[in-house]
Amino acid sequence: MNLLLLFPAGLAALAALLLPLLIHLARRSEHRPTDFAALRWLRALPRPRHRVRFDEWPLLLVRLLLLAAVALLLAEPALREHRQARPRIAVSPGVDLAAARALTHAANAQWVWLAPGFPPIAADAARPPATPAGTAPPVGSLLRELDASLSPDTALSVIVPSQWGPLDAQRLQLSREVRWQVLPGQSPAVAVAAVAPLRLQAIADAPADPALRYLRAVHAAWALPGALPVGTPADAAPARWPAGTVVAWLSQRPPPAPVIAWVAAGGQLLLAAQTPAPHALAGPLQPLLQDAHGTPLIDASAVGRGRLLRWAAPLQPQQLPALLEADFPTRLHNALQSVPAPQRALAQTQQPQRGPAIRLANAPRPLAPWLIGLVLLLFAVERWLATAPRRGTAA
């Protein structure tokens, strides 16, 4: 534990210690006795000697302690836990502990699990503590937290399985050199949210729109139940579209505000090439689907949690020959179906890189409650000594 003062200027109150010293100061003059009274007229008057004395020493000491405690309370003292410099060995779940202990390590190293809270590994431990399903944070985030909580001079070793996860989207960077050791095994599987199957919904100005012919063919190739739902812009109701719906907007009018909000909430809107994009959905588009020659078929742009898609040309074989290809429905399905990010990767490719230092400041533990109790106790003792009956007789 390290003692620190959060407000050192409060120690200026120690100047108040002079007040009880002045109150208890007793100045008494002492004269040298003269044997014959007549001699005082024959020589110079004797100079009195002054002796500095303090009355009531117990009360004075208590008052000094009381003022010192108040000054220390104003300085806001606190205790900060001292970070141990012992080497750390972080073991990721999925590693065989017997094989990990067989590796060469420092004798005084502290073994911890790469899990929330970094629980220590007991000598007889065989598996990490249980974690509720679906709540395991990314291992990269845990490793960054562990690195930030250690002192700069603490050596860190990490033992991971060859199939390591779950991962996040950031490249792993730590503030220190890490001894990276990979053992056979794989991290526990993490539950992945089920992806809703794709559904197709068409919005057209007229039910006889020529482009609907090709969308109906795609709908049949996807083996979706029933016929292709076709609506008009006037009766477009995003609240009735189930999860996983891809809306093909063939109308010449831009989508209304409810449809824009539906896209931002996670929907996919596929605009015709001639449909003007609303200002709220305007943004740079990137090719999402291409034909065998690299010609873009569909461009896409992220909008909130959803996507805005646009056909690169009108839905006619003359402009889009890929419409007549046998694998077009499958390629379109793969492009529109959201695929969950991979949860695990080869641990050899995830070795941390050296990055900027980030330190987690441990919150100091204030000592104010204890000092307040001490001040109240000293004040009670001071009042008792100041009002004691024997004080008057001693005076």
Protein backbone atom coordinates (compact mmCIF):
# COMPACT_ATOMS: atom_id res chain seq x y z
CA MET A 1 0.00 0.00 0.00
CA ASN A 2 1.23 3.50 -0.87
CA LEU A 3 0.09 6.55 1.09
CA LEU A 4 -0.73 9.66 -0.98
CA LEU A 5 -2.41 13.01 -0.44
CA LEU A 6 -5.13 13.98 -2.90
CA PHE A 7 -5.08 17.64 -1.71
CA PRO A 8 -1.63 18.40 -0.25
CA ALA A 9 -2.48 22.09 0.18
CA GLY A 10 -4.66 21.07 3.09
CA LEU A 11 -1.51 20.62 5.18
CA ALA A 12 -1.32 24.41 5.37
CA ALA A 13 -3.81 24.07 8.21
CA LEU A 14 -0.90 22.83 10.36
CA ALA A 15 -0.11 26.49 10.97
CA ALA A 16 -3.03 26.46 13.38
CA LEU A 17 -0.84 24.45 15.79
CA LEU A 18 0.57 27.76 17.01
CA LEU A 19 -2.79 28.71 18.50
CA PRO A 20 -2.89 26.17 21.38
CA LEU A 21 0.81 26.84 22.05
CA LEU A 22 0.05 30.52 22.58
CA ILE A 23 -2.99 29.72 24.71
CA HIS A 24 -1.03 27.42 27.04
CA LEU A 25 2.08 29.60 27.20
CA ALA A 26 2.76 30.86 30.74
CA ARG A 27 5.31 33.72 31.10
CA ARG A 28 6.53 34.08 34.71
CA SER A 29 9.25 36.43 35.94
CA GLU A 30 11.69 35.16 38.55
CA HIS A 31 13.61 37.62 40.79
CA ARG A 32 16.83 36.82 42.61
CA PRO A 33 16.35 37.27 46.38
CA THR A 34 18.36 39.99 48.18
CA ASP A 35 19.62 39.42 51.73
CA PHE A 36 19.41 43.05 52.84
CA ALA A 37 16.72 45.28 51.59
CA ALA A 38 18.99 48.31 51.77
CA LEU A 39 21.39 46.83 49.21
CA ARG A 40 18.88 47.29 46.45
CA TRP A 41 19.61 51.02 46.61
CA LEU A 42 23.38 50.52 46.37
CA ARG A 43 23.54 48.63 43.05
CA ALA A 44 21.64 48.32 39.83
CA LEU A 45 18.30 46.69 39.97
CA PRO A 46 18.53 42.95 39.15
CA ARG A 47 17.24 41.88 35.75
CA PRO A 48 14.40 39.40 36.12
CA ARG A 49 14.79 36.04 34.41
CA HIS A 50 11.96 34.81 32.15
CA ARG A 51 11.15 31.10 31.87
CA VAL A 52 8.93 29.80 29.06
CA ARG A 53 6.51 27.23 30.39
CA PHE A 54 3.33 25.58 29.14
CA ASP A 55 0.42 24.91 31.42
CA GLU A 56 -1.73 21.77 31.34
CA TRP A 57 0.43 19.54 29.17
CA PRO A 58 -2.16 16.74 28.64
CA LEU A 59 -4.75 19.18 27.31
CA LEU A 60 -2.16 20.88 25.12
CA LEU A 61 -1.07 17.59 23.55
CA VAL A 62 -4.66 16.56 22.83
CA ARG A 63 -5.38 19.91 21.18
CA LEU A 64 -2.26 19.63 19.05
CA LEU A 65 -3.24 16.13 17.96
CA LEU A 66 -6.76 17.31 17.18
CA LEU A 67 -5.55 20.13 14.94
CA ALA A 68 -3.03 17.85 13.23
CA ALA A 69 -5.79 15.31 12.51
CA VAL A 70 -8.03 18.03 11.06
CA ALA A 71 -5.19 19.27 8.83
CA LEU A 72 -4.52 15.74 7.63
CA LEU A 73 -8.23 15.28 6.94
CA LEU A 74 -8.22 18.41 4.77
CA ALA A 75 -5.28 17.00 2.79
CA GLU A 76 -7.47 13.98 1.82
CA PRO A 77 -5.06 11.10 2.46
CA ALA A 78 -5.64 7.84 0.63
CA LEU A 79 -4.04 4.45 0.16
CA ARG A 80 -3.25 3.04 -3.26
CA GLU A 81 -2.61 -0.65 -3.70
CA HIS A 82 0.92 -1.43 -4.77
CA ARG A 83 1.06 -3.43 -8.00
CA GLN A 84 3.03 -6.60 -7.68
CA ALA A 85 5.89 -7.06 -10.12
CA ARG A 86 5.67 -10.87 -10.10
CA PRO A 87 5.64 -12.39 -13.58
CA ARG A 88 2.18 -13.25 -14.86
CA ILE A 89 1.24 -16.31 -16.86
CA ALA A 90 -2.18 -15.99 -18.48
CA VAL A 91 -3.69 -19.27 -19.62
CA SER A 92 -6.55 -19.14 -22.09
CA PRO A 93 -9.42 -21.62 -21.63
CA GLY A 94 -8.98 -24.61 -23.88
CA VAL A 95 -5.33 -25.21 -22.92
CA ASP A 96 -4.28 -28.43 -21.20
CA LEU A 97 -2.91 -27.23 -17.85
CA ALA A 98 -0.63 -30.22 -17.49
CA ALA A 99 1.03 -29.39 -20.80
CA ALA A 100 1.22 -25.72 -19.85
CA ARG A 101 2.95 -26.45 -16.54
CA ALA A 102 5.48 -28.61 -18.37
CA LEU A 103 6.78 -25.53 -20.18
CA THR A 104 9.66 -23.50 -18.75
CA HIS A 105 8.47 -20.60 -16.59
CA ALA A 106 9.69 -18.42 -13.75
CA ALA A 107 9.40 -20.14 -10.38
CA ASN A 108 7.64 -17.19 -8.70
CA ALA A 109 5.21 -16.52 -11.56
CA GLN A 110 1.54 -16.00 -10.79
CA TRP A 111 -0.82 -18.11 -12.92
CA VAL A 112 -4.18 -16.63 -13.89
CA TRP A 113 -6.98 -17.59 -16.25
CA LEU A 114 -7.59 -15.36 -19.25
CA ALA A 115 -11.19 -14.90 -18.13
CA PRO A 116 -13.23 -12.05 -16.61
CA GLY A 117 -11.66 -11.04 -13.30
CA PHE A 118 -8.50 -13.04 -14.07
CA PRO A 119 -9.08 -15.69 -11.38
CA PRO A 120 -5.89 -17.32 -10.09
CA ILE A 121 -5.15 -20.89 -11.10
CA ALA A 122 -5.00 -23.24 -8.15
CA ALA A 123 -2.35 -25.94 -7.97
CA ASP A 124 -4.96 -28.66 -8.47
CA ALA A 125 -7.06 -26.81 -11.05
CA ALA A 126 -7.94 -28.64 -14.24
CA ARG A 127 -10.37 -26.31 -16.00
CA PRO A 128 -11.30 -22.62 -15.91
CA PRO A 129 -14.28 -21.34 -13.91
CA ALA A 130 -17.60 -21.71 -15.63
CA THR A 131 -18.82 -18.74 -17.67
CA PRO A 132 -22.50 -18.27 -18.57
CA ALA A 133 -23.19 -19.13 -22.19
CA GLY A 134 -23.03 -16.18 -24.55
CA THR A 135 -21.33 -13.85 -22.04
CA ALA A 136 -17.67 -14.61 -22.74
CA PRO A 137 -15.95 -11.37 -23.82
CA PRO A 138 -13.40 -11.40 -26.66
CA VAL A 139 -10.06 -12.77 -25.54
CA GLY A 140 -8.27 -9.83 -27.15
CA SER A 141 -10.19 -7.42 -24.94
CA LEU A 142 -9.31 -9.46 -21.85
CA LEU A 143 -5.64 -9.49 -22.79
CA ARG A 144 -5.61 -5.71 -23.26
CA GLU A 145 -7.22 -5.28 -19.85
CA LEU A 146 -4.65 -7.55 -18.21
CA ASP A 147 -1.79 -5.70 -19.90
CA ALA A 148 -3.11 -2.33 -18.74
CA SER A 149 -3.53 -3.51 -15.14
CA LEU A 150 0.09 -4.68 -14.75
CA SER A 151 3.07 -2.52 -13.86
CA PRO A 152 5.43 -1.74 -16.75
CA ASP A 153 8.20 -4.00 -15.41
CA THR A 154 6.00 -7.10 -15.03
CA ALA A 155 6.81 -9.92 -17.44
CA LEU A 156 3.78 -11.43 -19.17
CA SER A 157 3.48 -14.89 -20.72
CA VAL A 158 0.34 -16.00 -22.56
CA ILE A 159 -0.48 -19.64 -23.28
CA VAL A 160 -3.25 -20.12 -25.84
CA PRO A 161 -4.74 -23.04 -27.79
CA SER A 162 -4.02 -23.36 -31.48
CA GLN A 163 -7.66 -22.47 -32.29
CA TRP A 164 -8.09 -19.30 -30.25
CA GLY A 165 -11.16 -17.15 -29.66
CA PRO A 166 -13.60 -15.51 -29.48
CA LEU A 167 -11.92 -12.66 -31.34
CA ASP A 168 -12.86 -9.05 -31.91
CA ALA A 169 -12.32 -6.80 -34.92
CA GLN A 170 -9.14 -5.11 -33.64
CA ARG A 171 -5.56 -6.19 -34.13
CA LEU A 172 -4.08 -7.17 -30.77
CA GLN A 173 -1.57 -4.59 -29.49
CA LEU A 174 -0.01 -4.61 -26.03
CA SER A 175 2.38 -2.25 -24.25
CA ARG A 176 5.00 -4.91 -23.52
CA GLU A 177 6.78 -7.80 -25.12
CA VAL A 178 4.74 -10.95 -24.56
CA ARG A 179 5.99 -14.50 -24.46
CA TRP A 180 3.46 -16.11 -26.80
CA GLN A 181 3.12 -19.88 -26.45
CA VAL A 182 0.69 -22.02 -28.46
CA LEU A 183 -0.41 -25.50 -27.41
CA PRO A 184 -2.74 -27.93 -29.17
CA GLY A 185 -6.41 -27.38 -28.43
CA GLN A 186 -9.22 -24.97 -29.14
CA SER A 187 -11.11 -22.35 -27.20
CA PRO A 188 -14.60 -23.23 -25.97
CA ALA A 189 -17.28 -22.62 -28.56
CA VAL A 190 -19.30 -19.45 -28.16
CA ALA A 191 -22.99 -19.44 -28.93
CA VAL A 192 -23.64 -17.54 -32.16
CA ALA A 193 -26.92 -15.76 -32.69
CA ALA A 194 -29.07 -17.45 -35.28
CA VAL A 195 -29.25 -15.63 -38.61
CA ALA A 196 -32.76 -15.10 -39.92
CA PRO A 197 -33.37 -16.69 -43.35
CA LEU A 198 -33.65 -14.31 -46.27
CA ARG A 199 -37.06 -13.21 -47.47
CA LEU A 200 -37.81 -11.16 -50.57
CA GLN A 201 -40.32 -8.30 -50.74
CA ALA A 202 -40.90 -6.24 -53.90
CA ILE A 203 -42.24 -2.69 -54.04
CA ALA A 204 -43.26 -1.55 -57.54
CA ASP A 205 -45.40 1.16 -59.07
CA ALA A 206 -47.29 -1.39 -61.18
CA PRO A 207 -47.82 -5.13 -60.71
CA ALA A 208 -46.82 -5.65 -64.35
CA ASP A 209 -43.32 -4.20 -63.94
CA PRO A 210 -40.97 -6.25 -66.20
CA ALA A 211 -38.35 -6.46 -63.47
CA LEU A 212 -40.73 -8.48 -61.28
CA ARG A 213 -40.30 -11.44 -63.61
CA TYR A 214 -36.69 -11.90 -62.61
CA LEU A 215 -37.37 -11.28 -58.92
CA ARG A 216 -40.04 -14.00 -59.00
CA ALA A 217 -37.48 -16.35 -60.52
CA VAL A 218 -35.06 -15.54 -57.70
CA HIS A 219 -37.87 -16.06 -55.15
CA ALA A 220 -38.60 -19.50 -56.58
CA ALA A 221 -34.91 -20.44 -56.73
CA TRP A 222 -34.54 -19.58 -53.04
CA ALA A 223 -37.36 -22.05 -52.31
CA LEU A 224 -39.29 -19.46 -50.35
CA PRO A 225 -42.89 -20.35 -49.49
CA GLY A 226 -45.72 -18.84 -51.48
CA ALA A 227 -45.52 -16.26 -54.22
CA LEU A 228 -43.33 -13.18 -54.24
CA PRO A 229 -45.00 -10.47 -52.10
CA VAL A 230 -45.49 -7.36 -54.22
CA GLY A 231 -46.70 -4.04 -52.86
CA THR A 232 -46.90 -0.39 -53.82
CA PRO A 233 -45.04 2.53 -52.23
CA ALA A 234 -48.29 3.74 -50.68
CA ASP A 235 -48.90 0.55 -48.69
CA ALA A 236 -45.25 -0.13 -47.73
CA ALA A 237 -45.32 -1.03 -44.03
CA PRO A 238 -41.86 -1.84 -42.60
CA ALA A 239 -43.42 -2.90 -39.30
CA ARG A 240 -44.95 -5.93 -41.06
CA TRP A 241 -41.72 -7.05 -42.73
CA PRO A 242 -40.19 -9.97 -40.80
CA ALA A 243 -36.53 -10.19 -39.88
CA GLY A 244 -34.24 -11.08 -42.78
CA THR A 245 -36.42 -9.37 -45.39
CA VAL A 246 -34.68 -7.81 -48.39
CA VAL A 247 -36.91 -5.16 -49.96
CA ALA A 248 -36.44 -4.69 -53.71
CA TRP A 249 -37.62 -1.10 -54.32
CA LEU A 250 -38.51 -0.84 -58.02
CA SER A 251 -40.56 2.34 -57.75
CA GLN A 252 -39.48 5.57 -59.42
CA ARG A 253 -40.21 7.44 -56.19
CA PRO A 254 -37.67 7.51 -53.33
CA PRO A 255 -38.46 5.47 -50.22
CA PRO A 256 -40.38 7.31 -47.48
CA ALA A 257 -39.08 8.09 -44.00
CA PRO A 258 -40.43 4.89 -42.32
CA VAL A 259 -38.50 2.77 -44.82
CA ILE A 260 -35.35 4.82 -44.20
CA ALA A 261 -35.70 4.25 -40.45
CA TRP A 262 -36.20 0.54 -41.08
CA VAL A 263 -32.92 0.39 -43.03
CA ALA A 264 -31.02 2.20 -40.27
CA ALA A 265 -32.41 -0.31 -37.76
CA GLY A 266 -30.86 -3.24 -39.62
CA GLY A 267 -32.86 -3.75 -42.82
CA GLN A 268 -31.61 -4.21 -46.39
CA LEU A 269 -33.10 -2.04 -49.14
CA LEU A 270 -32.29 -2.90 -52.78
CA LEU A 271 -33.01 0.09 -55.03
CA ALA A 272 -33.52 -0.06 -58.75
CA ALA A 273 -30.87 1.63 -60.88
CA GLN A 274 -33.25 4.45 -61.86
CA THR A 275 -34.65 5.08 -58.35
CA PRO A 276 -33.29 8.28 -56.76
CA ALA A 277 -31.69 7.64 -53.41
CA PRO A 278 -32.99 9.82 -50.56
CA HIS A 279 -30.55 12.29 -49.04
CA ALA A 280 -30.54 10.41 -45.73
CA LEU A 281 -29.29 7.27 -47.50
CA ALA A 282 -26.89 9.00 -49.89
CA GLY A 283 -23.31 7.81 -49.45
CA PRO A 284 -20.39 6.18 -51.23
CA LEU A 285 -21.26 2.75 -52.64
CA GLN A 286 -18.90 -0.19 -52.91
CA PRO A 287 -19.31 -3.18 -55.25
CA LEU A 288 -21.02 -6.05 -53.45
CA LEU A 289 -21.74 -8.50 -56.28
CA GLN A 290 -19.89 -8.82 -59.59
CA ASP A 291 -20.22 -11.03 -62.62
CA ALA A 292 -17.55 -13.36 -63.97
CA HIS A 293 -15.85 -10.47 -65.80
CA GLY A 294 -15.68 -8.23 -62.72
CA THR A 295 -18.53 -5.96 -63.79
CA PRO A 296 -20.48 -4.71 -60.75
CA LEU A 297 -24.02 -6.01 -60.45
CA ILE A 298 -24.97 -4.62 -57.02
CA ASP A 299 -23.35 -1.81 -55.04
CA ALA A 300 -23.83 -1.42 -51.29
CA SER A 301 -23.35 1.13 -48.52
CA ALA A 302 -23.75 0.79 -44.76
CA VAL A 303 -26.56 2.83 -43.20
CA GLY A 304 -26.72 2.53 -39.44
CA ARG A 305 -27.08 -1.17 -38.69
CA GLY A 306 -28.49 -1.90 -42.14
CA ARG A 307 -27.42 -1.68 -45.77
CA LEU A 308 -28.51 0.30 -48.81
CA LEU A 309 -28.05 -1.66 -52.04
CA ARG A 310 -28.52 -0.57 -55.66
CA TRP A 311 -28.65 -2.45 -58.92
CA ALA A 312 -25.85 -1.28 -61.20
CA ALA A 313 -28.17 -1.40 -64.24
CA PRO A 314 -31.89 -1.95 -64.95
CA LEU A 315 -33.15 -5.49 -64.39
CA GLN A 316 -33.10 -6.50 -68.02
CA PRO A 317 -30.89 -9.16 -69.63
CA GLN A 318 -29.63 -6.60 -72.14
CA GLN A 319 -28.10 -4.48 -69.34
CA LEU A 320 -27.46 -7.31 -66.84
CA PRO A 321 -26.65 -10.55 -68.69
CA ALA A 322 -25.90 -12.23 -65.37
CA LEU A 323 -29.66 -12.45 -64.75
CA LEU A 324 -29.79 -15.41 -67.11
CA GLU A 325 -26.95 -17.34 -65.50
CA ALA A 326 -27.97 -20.48 -63.62
CA ASP A 327 -26.02 -19.65 -60.47
CA PHE A 328 -27.22 -16.04 -60.24
CA PRO A 329 -29.85 -16.72 -57.51
CA THR A 330 -27.27 -18.54 -55.38
CA ARG A 331 -24.67 -15.80 -55.77
CA LEU A 332 -27.28 -13.16 -54.96
CA HIS A 333 -28.34 -15.09 -51.86
CA ASN A 334 -24.74 -15.39 -50.65
CA ALA A 335 -24.17 -11.67 -51.17
CA LEU A 336 -27.29 -10.63 -49.27
CA GLN A 337 -27.16 -13.18 -46.46
CA SER A 338 -25.33 -11.76 -43.44
CA VAL A 339 -22.68 -14.18 -42.24
CA PRO A 340 -21.53 -14.05 -38.61
CA ALA A 341 -17.90 -13.10 -38.12
CA PRO A 342 -15.52 -15.97 -37.38
CA GLN A 343 -15.16 -16.60 -33.67
CA ARG A 344 -11.81 -18.39 -33.70
CA ALA A 345 -8.57 -18.17 -35.65
CA LEU A 346 -5.12 -19.72 -35.69
CA ALA A 347 -3.31 -18.50 -32.60
CA GLN A 348 0.00 -18.31 -34.48
CA THR A 349 -1.46 -15.47 -36.58
CA GLN A 350 -2.74 -13.54 -33.55
CA GLN A 351 0.53 -12.88 -31.73
CA PRO A 352 0.32 -9.41 -30.12
CA GLN A 353 2.21 -6.48 -31.57
CA ARG A 354 3.92 -3.77 -29.56
CA GLY A 355 1.69 -0.73 -29.14
CA PRO A 356 1.21 2.36 -26.98
CA ALA A 357 1.04 1.91 -23.22
CA ILE A 358 -2.35 2.11 -21.54
CA ARG A 359 -2.53 1.99 -17.77
CA LEU A 360 -5.58 1.35 -15.61
CA ALA A 361 -5.40 3.65 -12.61
CA ASN A 362 -6.39 1.86 -9.43
CA ALA A 363 -8.81 4.01 -7.49
CA PRO A 364 -7.17 5.04 -4.19
CA ARG A 365 -8.88 4.04 -0.98
CA PRO A 366 -9.73 7.22 0.99
CA LEU A 367 -8.88 7.38 4.69
CA ALA A 368 -11.42 10.10 5.46
CA PRO A 369 -13.84 7.83 7.40
CA TRP A 370 -11.09 6.72 9.77
CA LEU A 371 -9.80 10.27 10.23
CA ILE A 372 -13.28 11.58 10.95
CA GLY A 373 -13.63 8.99 13.70
CA LEU A 374 -10.23 9.98 15.10
CA VAL A 375 -11.16 13.68 15.05
CA LEU A 376 -14.40 13.00 16.91
CA LEU A 377 -12.57 10.91 19.51
CA LEU A 378 -9.90 13.57 20.07
CA PHE A 379 -12.56 16.27 20.29
CA ALA A 380 -14.39 14.30 22.97
CA VAL A 381 -11.15 13.81 24.94
CA GLU A 382 -10.31 17.51 24.58
CA ARG A 383 -13.72 18.57 25.89
CA TRP A 384 -13.41 16.16 28.79
CA LEU A 385 -9.98 17.48 29.78
CA ALA A 386 -11.02 21.11 29.29
CA THR A 387 -14.08 20.80 31.54
CA ALA A 388 -12.63 18.48 34.18
CA PRO A 389 -13.09 19.79 37.78
CA ARG A 390 -9.43 19.26 38.68
CA ARG A 391 -8.44 21.69 35.93
CA GLY A 392 -9.83 24.58 37.95
CA THR A 393 -8.04 23.53 41.12
CA ALA A 394 -4.79 23.04 39.22
CA ALA A 395 -5.06 26.54 37.86
